[in-house]
Every structure is written in C-alpha cells, then in structure tokens.
All heavy atoms as atom14 arrays in JSON, in Angstrom:
{
  "sequence": "GEIDYLLESLGRYFENPPRKDALIQTFSGVRPLFDDDKDNPSAVTRD",
  "atom14_mask": [
    [1, 1, 1, 1, 0, 0, 0, 0, 0, 0, 0, 0, 0, 0],
    [1, 1, 1, 1, 1, 1, 1, 1, 1, 0, 0, 0, 0, 0],
    [1, 1, 1, 1, 1, 1, 1, 1, 0, 0, 0, 0, 0, 0],
    [1, 1, 1, 1, 1, 1, 1, 1, 0, 0, 0, 0, 0, 0],
    [1, 1, 1, 1, 1, 1, 1, 1, 1, 1, 1, 1, 0, 0],
    [1, 1, 1, 1, 1, 1, 1, 1, 0, 0, 0, 0, 0, 0],
    [1, 1, 1, 1, 1, 1, 1, 1, 0, 0, 0, 0, 0, 0],
    [1, 1, 1, 1, 1, 1, 1, 1, 1, 0, 0, 0, 0, 0],
    [1, 1, 1, 1, 1, 1, 0, 0, 0, 0, 0, 0, 0, 0],
    [1, 1, 1, 1, 1, 1, 1, 1, 0, 0, 0, 0, 0, 0],
    [1, 1, 1, 1, 0, 0, 0, 0, 0, 0, 0, 0, 0, 0],
    [1, 1, 1, 1, 1, 1, 1, 1, 1, 1, 1, 0, 0, 0],
    [1, 1, 1, 1, 1, 1, 1, 1, 1, 1, 1, 1, 0, 0],
    [1, 1, 1, 1, 1, 1, 1, 1, 1, 1, 1, 0, 0, 0],
    [1, 1, 1, 1, 1, 1, 1, 1, 1, 0, 0, 0, 0, 0],
    [1, 1, 1, 1, 1, 1, 1, 1, 0, 0, 0, 0, 0, 0],
    [1, 1, 1, 1, 1, 1, 1, 0, 0, 0, 0, 0, 0, 0],
    [1, 1, 1, 1, 1, 1, 1, 0, 0, 0, 0, 0, 0, 0],
    [1, 1, 1, 1, 1, 1, 1, 1, 1, 1, 1, 0, 0, 0],
    [1, 1, 1, 1, 1, 1, 1, 1, 1, 0, 0, 0, 0, 0],
    [1, 1, 1, 1, 1, 1, 1, 1, 0, 0, 0, 0, 0, 0],
    [1, 1, 1, 1, 1, 0, 0, 0, 0, 0, 0, 0, 0, 0],
    [1, 1, 1, 1, 1, 1, 1, 1, 0, 0, 0, 0, 0, 0],
    [1, 1, 1, 1, 1, 1, 1, 1, 0, 0, 0, 0, 0, 0],
    [1, 1, 1, 1, 1, 1, 1, 1, 1, 0, 0, 0, 0, 0],
    [1, 1, 1, 1, 1, 1, 1, 0, 0, 0, 0, 0, 0, 0],
    [1, 1, 1, 1, 1, 1, 1, 1, 1, 1, 1, 0, 0, 0],
    [1, 1, 1, 1, 1, 1, 0, 0, 0, 0, 0, 0, 0, 0],
    [1, 1, 1, 1, 0, 0, 0, 0, 0, 0, 0, 0, 0, 0],
    [1, 1, 1, 1, 1, 1, 1, 0, 0, 0, 0, 0, 0, 0],
    [1, 1, 1, 1, 1, 1, 1, 1, 1, 1, 1, 0, 0, 0],
    [1, 1, 1, 1, 1, 1, 1, 0, 0, 0, 0, 0, 0, 0],
    [1, 1, 1, 1, 1, 1, 1, 1, 0, 0, 0, 0, 0, 0],
    [1, 1, 1, 1, 1, 1, 1, 1, 1, 1, 1, 0, 0, 0],
    [1, 1, 1, 1, 1, 1, 1, 1, 0, 0, 0, 0, 0, 0],
    [1, 1, 1, 1, 1, 1, 1, 1, 0, 0, 0, 0, 0, 0],
    [1, 1, 1, 1, 1, 1, 1, 1, 0, 0, 0, 0, 0, 0],
    [1, 1, 1, 1, 1, 1, 1, 1, 1, 0, 0, 0, 0, 0],
    [1, 1, 1, 1, 1, 1, 1, 1, 0, 0, 0, 0, 0, 0],
    [1, 1, 1, 1, 1, 1, 1, 1, 0, 0, 0, 0, 0, 0],
    [1, 1, 1, 1, 1, 1, 1, 0, 0, 0, 0, 0, 0, 0],
    [1, 1, 1, 1, 1, 1, 0, 0, 0, 0, 0, 0, 0, 0],
    [1, 1, 1, 1, 1, 0, 0, 0, 0, 0, 0, 0, 0, 0],
    [1, 1, 1, 1, 1, 1, 1, 0, 0, 0, 0, 0, 0, 0],
    [1, 1, 1, 1, 1, 1, 1, 0, 0, 0, 0, 0, 0, 0],
    [1, 1, 1, 1, 1, 1, 1, 1, 1, 1, 1, 0, 0, 0],
    [1, 1, 1, 1, 1, 1, 1, 1, 0, 0, 0, 0, 0, 0]
  ],
  "atom14_positions": [
    [[41.46, -24.14, 193.38], [42.3, -24.0, 194.53], [41.52, -23.56, 195.76], [41.79, -24.07, 196.86], [0.0, 0.0, 0.0], [0.0, 0.0, 0.0], [0.0, 0.0, 0.0], [0.0, 0.0, 0.0], [0.0, 0.0, 0.0], [0.0, 0.0, 0.0], [0.0, 0.0, 0.0], [0.0, 0.0, 0.0], [0.0, 0.0, 0.0], [0.0, 0.0, 0.0]],
    [[40.55, -22.7, 195.57], [39.69, -22.24, 196.71], [38.77, -23.44, 197.2], [38.59, -23.59, 198.38], [38.83, -21.08, 196.3], [39.58, -19.77, 196.09], [38.68, -18.67, 195.62], [38.32, -18.72, 194.41], [38.37, -17.82, 196.4], [0.0, 0.0, 0.0], [0.0, 0.0, 0.0], [0.0, 0.0, 0.0], [0.0, 0.0, 0.0], [0.0, 0.0, 0.0]],
    [[38.22, -24.19, 196.26], [37.39, -25.32, 196.64], [38.24, -26.3, 197.46], [37.79, -26.77, 198.52], [36.79, -25.97, 195.42], [35.78, -25.06, 194.71], [36.11, -27.3, 195.8], [35.26, -25.55, 193.41], [0.0, 0.0, 0.0], [0.0, 0.0, 0.0], [0.0, 0.0, 0.0], [0.0, 0.0, 0.0], [0.0, 0.0, 0.0], [0.0, 0.0, 0.0]],
    [[39.4, -26.58, 196.97], [40.29, -27.53, 197.65], [40.7, -27.01, 199.08], [40.69, -27.82, 200.05], [41.56, -27.79, 196.86], [41.3, -28.57, 195.56], [40.26, -29.21, 195.46], [42.14, -28.49, 194.63], [0.0, 0.0, 0.0], [0.0, 0.0, 0.0], [0.0, 0.0, 0.0], [0.0, 0.0, 0.0], [0.0, 0.0, 0.0], [0.0, 0.0, 0.0]],
    [[40.92, -25.72, 199.15], [41.27, -25.09, 200.41], [40.14, -25.31, 201.43], [40.37, -25.71, 202.61], [41.56, -23.63, 200.21], [41.88, -22.85, 201.5], [43.15, -22.89, 202.04], [40.9, -22.15, 202.13], [43.41, -22.19, 203.23], [41.15, -21.43, 203.29], [42.44, -21.48, 203.84], [42.7, -20.81, 205.0], [0.0, 0.0, 0.0], [0.0, 0.0, 0.0]],
    [[38.9, -25.03, 201.0], [37.79, -25.15, 201.92], [37.54, -26.63, 202.3], [37.26, -26.89, 203.49], [36.54, -24.56, 201.27], [36.57, -23.02, 201.07], [35.32, -22.58, 200.29], [36.66, -22.27, 202.37], [0.0, 0.0, 0.0], [0.0, 0.0, 0.0], [0.0, 0.0, 0.0], [0.0, 0.0, 0.0], [0.0, 0.0, 0.0], [0.0, 0.0, 0.0]],
    [[37.64, -27.48, 201.38], [37.46, -28.91, 201.68], [38.55, -29.49, 202.55], [38.29, -30.33, 203.46], [37.34, -29.75, 200.41], [36.1, -29.47, 199.5], [36.11, -30.29, 198.26], [34.83, -29.73, 200.33], [0.0, 0.0, 0.0], [0.0, 0.0, 0.0], [0.0, 0.0, 0.0], [0.0, 0.0, 0.0], [0.0, 0.0, 0.0], [0.0, 0.0, 0.0]],
    [[39.77, -29.02, 202.35], [40.88, -29.44, 203.26], [40.66, -28.98, 204.68], [40.91, -29.73, 205.64], [42.21, -28.91, 202.73], [42.73, -29.6, 201.49], [43.88, -28.89, 200.83], [44.4, -27.93, 201.5], [44.28, -29.25, 199.72], [0.0, 0.0, 0.0], [0.0, 0.0, 0.0], [0.0, 0.0, 0.0], [0.0, 0.0, 0.0], [0.0, 0.0, 0.0]],
    [[40.03, -27.78, 204.79], [39.73, -27.31, 206.17], [38.73, -28.2, 206.87], [38.86, -28.49, 208.04], [39.18, -25.85, 206.05], [40.13, -25.0, 205.5], [0.0, 0.0, 0.0], [0.0, 0.0, 0.0], [0.0, 0.0, 0.0], [0.0, 0.0, 0.0], [0.0, 0.0, 0.0], [0.0, 0.0, 0.0], [0.0, 0.0, 0.0], [0.0, 0.0, 0.0]],
    [[37.72, -28.6, 206.08], [36.74, -29.49, 206.68], [37.34, -30.8, 207.05], [37.06, -31.39, 208.13], [35.58, -29.73, 205.63], [34.74, -28.51, 205.25], [33.67, -28.96, 204.27], [34.13, -27.84, 206.46], [0.0, 0.0, 0.0], [0.0, 0.0, 0.0], [0.0, 0.0, 0.0], [0.0, 0.0, 0.0], [0.0, 0.0, 0.0], [0.0, 0.0, 0.0]],
    [[38.18, -31.34, 206.2], [38.89, -32.62, 206.42], [39.77, -32.64, 207.65], [40.04, -33.67, 208.25], [0.0, 0.0, 0.0], [0.0, 0.0, 0.0], [0.0, 0.0, 0.0], [0.0, 0.0, 0.0], [0.0, 0.0, 0.0], [0.0, 0.0, 0.0], [0.0, 0.0, 0.0], [0.0, 0.0, 0.0], [0.0, 0.0, 0.0], [0.0, 0.0, 0.0]],
    [[40.22, -31.43, 207.99], [41.11, -31.35, 209.15], [40.37, -31.56, 210.42], [40.92, -31.91, 211.47], [41.79, -29.97, 209.08], [43.01, -29.8, 210.0], [43.66, -28.46, 209.8], [44.34, -28.41, 208.48], [44.02, -27.56, 207.49], [43.03, -26.69, 207.68], [44.66, -27.59, 206.34], [0.0, 0.0, 0.0], [0.0, 0.0, 0.0], [0.0, 0.0, 0.0]],
    [[39.04, -31.23, 210.4], [38.29, -31.24, 211.62], [37.21, -32.35, 211.7], [36.94, -32.88, 212.78], [37.54, -29.9, 211.8], [38.44, -28.79, 212.29], [39.22, -28.0, 211.39], [38.45, -28.47, 213.64], [39.96, -26.95, 211.83], [39.32, -27.42, 214.09], [40.05, -26.7, 213.19], [40.84, -25.65, 213.57], [0.0, 0.0, 0.0], [0.0, 0.0, 0.0]],
    [[36.57, -32.68, 210.57], [35.4, -33.54, 210.55], [35.75, -34.92, 210.08], [36.58, -35.12, 209.23], [34.3, -32.94, 209.71], [33.72, -31.64, 210.24], [34.17, -30.43, 209.79], [32.77, -31.7, 211.22], [33.62, -29.26, 210.27], [32.24, -30.54, 211.78], [32.68, -29.29, 211.26], [0.0, 0.0, 0.0], [0.0, 0.0, 0.0], [0.0, 0.0, 0.0]],
    [[35.03, -35.93, 210.65], [35.27, -37.33, 210.26], [34.76, -37.57, 208.87], [35.44, -38.27, 208.04], [34.54, -38.21, 211.22], [35.19, -38.36, 212.63], [36.5, -39.21, 212.57], [36.86, -39.72, 211.47], [37.08, -39.37, 213.62], [0.0, 0.0, 0.0], [0.0, 0.0, 0.0], [0.0, 0.0, 0.0], [0.0, 0.0, 0.0], [0.0, 0.0, 0.0]],
    [[33.62, -37.11, 208.51], [33.02, -37.41, 207.21], [32.49, -36.15, 206.52], [31.21, -35.96, 206.41], [31.92, -38.44, 207.35], [32.41, -39.78, 207.89], [33.16, -40.45, 207.2], [31.93, -40.14, 209.05], [0.0, 0.0, 0.0], [0.0, 0.0, 0.0], [0.0, 0.0, 0.0], [0.0, 0.0, 0.0], [0.0, 0.0, 0.0], [0.0, 0.0, 0.0]],
    [[33.34, -35.23, 206.16], [32.89, -33.99, 205.53], [32.46, -34.25, 204.09], [32.74, -35.32, 203.52], [34.15, -33.13, 205.57], [35.27, -34.11, 205.47], [34.78, -35.32, 206.24], [0.0, 0.0, 0.0], [0.0, 0.0, 0.0], [0.0, 0.0, 0.0], [0.0, 0.0, 0.0], [0.0, 0.0, 0.0], [0.0, 0.0, 0.0], [0.0, 0.0, 0.0]],
    [[31.71, -33.33, 203.5], [31.28, -33.52, 202.07], [32.5, -33.52, 201.15], [33.49, -32.89, 201.43], [30.38, -32.33, 201.8], [30.77, -31.32, 202.86], [31.17, -32.07, 204.04], [0.0, 0.0, 0.0], [0.0, 0.0, 0.0], [0.0, 0.0, 0.0], [0.0, 0.0, 0.0], [0.0, 0.0, 0.0], [0.0, 0.0, 0.0], [0.0, 0.0, 0.0]],
    [[32.38, -34.26, 200.07], [33.4, -34.31, 199.04], [33.08, -33.37, 197.92], [31.97, -32.84, 197.84], [33.55, -35.74, 198.51], [33.92, -36.8, 199.62], [33.99, -38.17, 198.99], [32.7, -38.54, 198.38], [32.44, -39.75, 197.8], [33.38, -40.64, 197.79], [31.26, -40.02, 197.33], [0.0, 0.0, 0.0], [0.0, 0.0, 0.0], [0.0, 0.0, 0.0]],
    [[34.02, -33.17, 197.01], [33.86, -32.18, 195.99], [32.68, -32.55, 195.09], [31.91, -31.71, 194.62], [35.12, -32.09, 195.14], [35.08, -30.98, 194.08], [36.34, -30.95, 193.27], [37.55, -30.45, 194.1], [38.78, -30.19, 193.29], [0.0, 0.0, 0.0], [0.0, 0.0, 0.0], [0.0, 0.0, 0.0], [0.0, 0.0, 0.0], [0.0, 0.0, 0.0]],
    [[32.45, -33.81, 194.84], [31.35, -34.23, 193.92], [30.0, -34.09, 194.57], [28.92, -34.3, 193.95], [31.55, -35.68, 193.43], [31.61, -36.7, 194.52], [31.42, -36.36, 195.71], [31.88, -37.88, 194.24], [0.0, 0.0, 0.0], [0.0, 0.0, 0.0], [0.0, 0.0, 0.0], [0.0, 0.0, 0.0], [0.0, 0.0, 0.0], [0.0, 0.0, 0.0]],
    [[29.97, -33.73, 195.89], [28.68, -33.59, 196.63], [28.29, -32.12, 196.75], [27.21, -31.8, 197.32], [28.77, -34.18, 197.98], [0.0, 0.0, 0.0], [0.0, 0.0, 0.0], [0.0, 0.0, 0.0], [0.0, 0.0, 0.0], [0.0, 0.0, 0.0], [0.0, 0.0, 0.0], [0.0, 0.0, 0.0], [0.0, 0.0, 0.0], [0.0, 0.0, 0.0]],
    [[29.1, -31.21, 196.19], [28.76, -29.8, 196.34], [27.56, -29.41, 195.51], [27.44, -29.89, 194.33], [29.97, -28.94, 195.92], [31.25, -29.15, 196.74], [32.36, -28.18, 196.28], [30.97, -29.05, 198.23], [0.0, 0.0, 0.0], [0.0, 0.0, 0.0], [0.0, 0.0, 0.0], [0.0, 0.0, 0.0], [0.0, 0.0, 0.0], [0.0, 0.0, 0.0]],
    [[26.7, -28.63, 196.03], [25.43, -28.25, 195.39], [25.59, -26.9, 194.7], [25.02, -26.68, 193.66], [24.31, -28.2, 196.41], [24.05, -29.59, 197.04], [23.04, -27.56, 195.85], [23.12, -29.6, 198.2], [0.0, 0.0, 0.0], [0.0, 0.0, 0.0], [0.0, 0.0, 0.0], [0.0, 0.0, 0.0], [0.0, 0.0, 0.0], [0.0, 0.0, 0.0]],
    [[26.39, -26.03, 195.26], [26.5, -24.66, 194.7], [27.81, -24.06, 195.13], [28.36, -24.39, 196.19], [25.35, -23.74, 195.08], [25.35, -22.35, 194.45], [24.29, -21.48, 195.11], [24.29, -21.25, 196.32], [23.39, -20.96, 194.28], [0.0, 0.0, 0.0], [0.0, 0.0, 0.0], [0.0, 0.0, 0.0], [0.0, 0.0, 0.0], [0.0, 0.0, 0.0]],
    [[28.39, -23.21, 194.3], [29.52, -22.35, 194.7], [29.24, -20.93, 194.32], [28.48, -20.71, 193.33], [30.85, -22.81, 194.02], [30.75, -22.58, 192.63], [31.12, -24.3, 194.27], [0.0, 0.0, 0.0], [0.0, 0.0, 0.0], [0.0, 0.0, 0.0], [0.0, 0.0, 0.0], [0.0, 0.0, 0.0], [0.0, 0.0, 0.0], [0.0, 0.0, 0.0]],
    [[29.76, -20.0, 195.02], [29.62, -18.56, 194.57], [30.82, -17.77, 195.17], [31.43, -18.13, 196.15], [28.28, -17.96, 195.01], [28.05, -17.84, 196.46], [28.49, -16.72, 197.21], [27.38, -18.88, 197.19], [28.24, -16.59, 198.53], [27.14, -18.71, 198.51], [27.57, -17.6, 199.21], [0.0, 0.0, 0.0], [0.0, 0.0, 0.0], [0.0, 0.0, 0.0]],
    [[31.09, -16.7, 194.46], [32.22, -15.77, 194.87], [31.73, -14.35, 194.81], [30.87, -14.0, 194.02], [33.41, -15.94, 193.91], [33.96, -17.25, 194.02], [0.0, 0.0, 0.0], [0.0, 0.0, 0.0], [0.0, 0.0, 0.0], [0.0, 0.0, 0.0], [0.0, 0.0, 0.0], [0.0, 0.0, 0.0], [0.0, 0.0, 0.0], [0.0, 0.0, 0.0]],
    [[32.31, -13.58, 195.67], [32.02, -12.11, 195.67], [33.33, -11.33, 195.78], [34.3, -11.9, 196.29], [0.0, 0.0, 0.0], [0.0, 0.0, 0.0], [0.0, 0.0, 0.0], [0.0, 0.0, 0.0], [0.0, 0.0, 0.0], [0.0, 0.0, 0.0], [0.0, 0.0, 0.0], [0.0, 0.0, 0.0], [0.0, 0.0, 0.0], [0.0, 0.0, 0.0]],
    [[33.29, -10.09, 195.36], [34.46, -9.24, 195.53], [34.17, -8.18, 196.58], [33.16, -7.47, 196.49], [34.75, -8.52, 194.18], [35.9, -7.51, 194.36], [35.22, -9.54, 193.13], [0.0, 0.0, 0.0], [0.0, 0.0, 0.0], [0.0, 0.0, 0.0], [0.0, 0.0, 0.0], [0.0, 0.0, 0.0], [0.0, 0.0, 0.0], [0.0, 0.0, 0.0]],
    [[34.99, -8.14, 197.56], [34.8, -7.16, 198.65], [35.64, -5.91, 198.33], [36.87, -6.05, 198.15], [35.23, -7.74, 199.97], [34.37, -8.95, 200.36], [35.02, -9.74, 201.44], [34.28, -10.93, 201.77], [34.67, -11.85, 202.63], [35.81, -11.75, 203.21], [33.88, -12.9, 202.86], [0.0, 0.0, 0.0], [0.0, 0.0, 0.0], [0.0, 0.0, 0.0]],
    [[35.0, -4.76, 198.26], [35.78, -3.52, 197.99], [36.33, -2.92, 199.29], [35.72, -2.0, 199.88], [34.71, -2.63, 197.34], [33.46, -3.08, 198.02], [33.58, -4.5, 198.37], [0.0, 0.0, 0.0], [0.0, 0.0, 0.0], [0.0, 0.0, 0.0], [0.0, 0.0, 0.0], [0.0, 0.0, 0.0], [0.0, 0.0, 0.0], [0.0, 0.0, 0.0]],
    [[37.43, -3.42, 199.72], [38.0, -2.95, 201.03], [38.85, -1.73, 200.81], [39.53, -1.56, 199.83], [38.81, -4.07, 201.66], [38.15, -5.4, 201.82], [39.03, -6.42, 202.49], [36.82, -5.28, 202.61], [0.0, 0.0, 0.0], [0.0, 0.0, 0.0], [0.0, 0.0, 0.0], [0.0, 0.0, 0.0], [0.0, 0.0, 0.0], [0.0, 0.0, 0.0]],
    [[38.74, -0.84, 201.8], [39.62, 0.39, 201.73], [41.08, -0.07, 201.73], [41.55, -0.83, 202.56], [39.36, 1.26, 202.98], [40.26, 2.43, 203.04], [40.31, 3.38, 202.07], [41.1, 2.57, 204.11], [41.16, 4.47, 202.11], [41.98, 3.66, 204.22], [42.04, 4.57, 203.21], [0.0, 0.0, 0.0], [0.0, 0.0, 0.0], [0.0, 0.0, 0.0]],
    [[41.84, 0.4, 200.75], [43.25, -0.01, 200.61], [44.11, 0.67, 201.61], [44.43, 1.86, 201.52], [43.7, 0.36, 199.16], [45.0, -0.32, 198.83], [45.65, -0.91, 199.73], [45.36, -0.27, 197.7], [0.0, 0.0, 0.0], [0.0, 0.0, 0.0], [0.0, 0.0, 0.0], [0.0, 0.0, 0.0], [0.0, 0.0, 0.0], [0.0, 0.0, 0.0]],
    [[44.46, -0.09, 202.66], [45.34, 0.47, 203.73], [46.77, -0.12, 203.65], [47.52, -0.09, 204.6], [44.77, 0.16, 205.1], [44.51, -1.34, 205.35], [44.87, -2.18, 204.49], [43.93, -1.68, 206.44], [0.0, 0.0, 0.0], [0.0, 0.0, 0.0], [0.0, 0.0, 0.0], [0.0, 0.0, 0.0], [0.0, 0.0, 0.0], [0.0, 0.0, 0.0]],
    [[47.12, -0.7, 202.46], [48.5, -1.16, 202.12], [48.88, -2.36, 202.98], [50.08, -2.63, 203.1], [49.5, 0.0, 202.31], [49.26, 1.13, 201.4], [48.92, 0.83, 200.19], [49.42, 2.29, 201.8], [0.0, 0.0, 0.0], [0.0, 0.0, 0.0], [0.0, 0.0, 0.0], [0.0, 0.0, 0.0], [0.0, 0.0, 0.0], [0.0, 0.0, 0.0]],
    [[47.94, -3.13, 203.55], [48.29, -4.33, 204.21], [48.64, -5.43, 203.21], [47.99, -5.58, 202.16], [47.11, -4.81, 205.1], [46.81, -3.86, 206.25], [47.84, -4.05, 207.39], [47.48, -3.05, 208.56], [46.22, -3.35, 209.12], [0.0, 0.0, 0.0], [0.0, 0.0, 0.0], [0.0, 0.0, 0.0], [0.0, 0.0, 0.0], [0.0, 0.0, 0.0]],
    [[49.66, -6.23, 203.51], [50.04, -7.29, 202.56], [49.07, -8.5, 202.64], [48.8, -9.11, 201.64], [51.48, -7.81, 202.93], [52.53, -6.78, 202.64], [52.3, -5.93, 201.74], [53.59, -6.74, 203.33], [0.0, 0.0, 0.0], [0.0, 0.0, 0.0], [0.0, 0.0, 0.0], [0.0, 0.0, 0.0], [0.0, 0.0, 0.0], [0.0, 0.0, 0.0]],
    [[48.63, -8.81, 203.82], [47.75, -9.99, 204.01], [46.29, -9.6, 203.77], [45.78, -8.68, 204.46], [47.89, -10.5, 205.46], [46.97, -11.66, 205.75], [46.25, -12.18, 204.88], [46.93, -12.08, 207.0], [0.0, 0.0, 0.0], [0.0, 0.0, 0.0], [0.0, 0.0, 0.0], [0.0, 0.0, 0.0], [0.0, 0.0, 0.0], [0.0, 0.0, 0.0]],
    [[45.64, -10.14, 202.79], [44.24, -9.8, 202.5], [43.3, -9.94, 203.67], [42.38, -9.13, 203.84], [43.79, -10.73, 201.39], [45.06, -11.12, 200.71], [46.13, -11.15, 201.8], [0.0, 0.0, 0.0], [0.0, 0.0, 0.0], [0.0, 0.0, 0.0], [0.0, 0.0, 0.0], [0.0, 0.0, 0.0], [0.0, 0.0, 0.0], [0.0, 0.0, 0.0]],
    [[43.57, -10.9, 204.56], [42.74, -11.08, 205.77], [42.94, -9.98, 206.78], [42.06, -9.81, 207.61], [43.01, -12.46, 206.41], [42.73, -13.51, 205.55], [0.0, 0.0, 0.0], [0.0, 0.0, 0.0], [0.0, 0.0, 0.0], [0.0, 0.0, 0.0], [0.0, 0.0, 0.0], [0.0, 0.0, 0.0], [0.0, 0.0, 0.0], [0.0, 0.0, 0.0]],
    [[44.01, -9.25, 206.64], [44.33, -8.23, 207.62], [43.88, -6.85, 207.16], [43.92, -5.89, 207.88], [45.87, -8.14, 207.89], [0.0, 0.0, 0.0], [0.0, 0.0, 0.0], [0.0, 0.0, 0.0], [0.0, 0.0, 0.0], [0.0, 0.0, 0.0], [0.0, 0.0, 0.0], [0.0, 0.0, 0.0], [0.0, 0.0, 0.0], [0.0, 0.0, 0.0]],
    [[43.42, -6.79, 205.88], [42.99, -5.47, 205.36], [41.73, -5.06, 206.13], [40.84, -5.86, 206.37], [42.65, -5.57, 203.84], [42.1, -4.24, 203.33], [43.89, -6.01, 203.09], [0.0, 0.0, 0.0], [0.0, 0.0, 0.0], [0.0, 0.0, 0.0], [0.0, 0.0, 0.0], [0.0, 0.0, 0.0], [0.0, 0.0, 0.0], [0.0, 0.0, 0.0]],
    [[41.7, -3.81, 206.55], [40.61, -3.34, 207.39], [39.24, -3.5, 206.69], [39.11, -3.32, 205.52], [40.8, -1.83, 207.8], [39.7, -1.51, 208.65], [40.84, -0.94, 206.55], [0.0, 0.0, 0.0], [0.0, 0.0, 0.0], [0.0, 0.0, 0.0], [0.0, 0.0, 0.0], [0.0, 0.0, 0.0], [0.0, 0.0, 0.0], [0.0, 0.0, 0.0]],
    [[38.25, -3.86, 207.53], [36.81, -3.91, 207.06], [36.13, -2.58, 207.48], [34.94, -2.49, 207.29], [36.09, -5.08, 207.68], [36.15, -6.35, 206.8], [37.5, -6.82, 206.46], [37.47, -8.13, 205.74], [38.55, -8.7, 205.27], [39.71, -8.14, 205.37], [38.44, -9.87, 204.59], [0.0, 0.0, 0.0], [0.0, 0.0, 0.0], [0.0, 0.0, 0.0]],
    [[36.85, -1.62, 207.88], [36.32, -0.32, 208.23], [36.04, 0.43, 206.93], [36.42, 0.03, 205.89], [37.28, 0.45, 209.11], [36.57, 1.43, 210.05], [35.39, 1.68, 209.82], [37.22, 1.91, 211.03], [0.0, 0.0, 0.0], [0.0, 0.0, 0.0], [0.0, 0.0, 0.0], [0.0, 0.0, 0.0], [0.0, 0.0, 0.0], [0.0, 0.0, 0.0]]
  ]
}
C-alpha cells in the first residue's frame, strides 16, 4: 500500500514516472515521536 501510494503521487505529477518493476530499493524506518495525542500521524510534533 505504501509503494502504491508513493507511485500514485508520482503519477499525479509526472508524465513518465518509474513503475513498480523499476524500483531498485525500498526501506522503512520507525520514528519515535513524542506522543502528543494527535490523531493524524503527519501532525504529531517532531519536537
């Protein structure tokens, strides 16, 4: 789902973005954000 989300974003803007079969690497990390009880993960403080 994350791969599709990122590729859909590219497709929204670019004429010839890379396709899934052209990906060279993927990686994920976990960010330990201070829990300020925000519902939206993007809105959680990076402080």
